[in-house]
């Protein structure tokens, strides 16, 4: 199962916002 680019980007954005 390959992760969707949009979903991964959204997760990275949340992580970046959390930092």
N, C-alpha and C. Protein backbone atom coordinates (compact mmCIF):
# COMPACT_ATOMS: atom_id res chain seq x y z
N UNK A 1 0.85 -1.20 0.00
CA UNK A 1 0.00 0.00 0.00
C UNK A 1 0.88 1.25 0.00
N UNK A 2 0.74 2.06 -1.02
CA UNK A 2 1.55 3.27 -1.12
C UNK A 2 0.81 4.46 -0.51
N UNK A 3 1.49 5.24 0.31
CA UNK A 3 0.85 6.40 0.94
C UNK A 3 0.56 7.49 -0.07
N UNK A 4 -0.58 8.14 0.08
CA UNK A 4 -0.92 9.25 -0.83
C UNK A 4 -0.04 10.45 -0.52
N UNK A 5 0.44 11.10 -1.56
CA UNK A 5 1.33 12.25 -1.37
C UNK A 5 0.61 13.34 -0.58
N UNK A 6 -0.64 13.59 -0.92
CA UNK A 6 -1.40 14.65 -0.24
C UNK A 6 -1.55 14.32 1.25
N UNK A 7 -1.81 13.03 1.54
CA UNK A 7 -2.01 12.65 2.94
C UNK A 7 -0.70 12.81 3.72
N UNK A 8 0.39 12.37 3.11
CA UNK A 8 1.70 12.49 3.76
C UNK A 8 2.05 13.96 3.97
N UNK A 9 1.76 14.79 2.95
CA UNK A 9 2.06 16.22 3.07
C UNK A 9 1.25 16.84 4.20
N UNK A 10 0.00 16.42 4.32
CA UNK A 10 -0.86 16.95 5.38
C UNK A 10 -0.30 16.55 6.74
N UNK A 11 0.17 15.32 6.86
CA UNK A 11 0.72 14.87 8.14
C UNK A 11 1.98 15.64 8.48
N UNK A 12 2.84 15.86 7.49
CA UNK A 12 4.08 16.60 7.73
C UNK A 12 3.76 18.03 8.14
N UNK A 13 2.69 18.58 7.55
CA UNK A 13 2.29 19.94 7.90
C UNK A 13 1.85 20.00 9.36
N UNK A 14 1.11 18.99 9.80
CA UNK A 14 0.66 18.97 11.19
C UNK A 14 1.85 18.84 12.12
N UNK A 15 2.80 18.00 11.75
CA UNK A 15 3.99 17.81 12.58
C UNK A 15 4.80 19.09 12.63
N UNK A 16 4.93 19.77 11.50
CA UNK A 16 5.70 21.02 11.45
C UNK A 16 5.01 22.07 12.31
N UNK A 17 3.67 22.06 12.29
CA UNK A 17 2.93 23.04 13.08
C UNK A 17 3.08 22.73 14.57
N UNK A 18 3.21 21.45 14.89
CA UNK A 18 3.32 21.05 16.30
C UNK A 18 4.69 21.45 16.85
N UNK A 19 5.70 21.44 16.00
CA UNK A 19 7.05 21.76 16.47
C UNK A 19 7.16 23.24 16.83
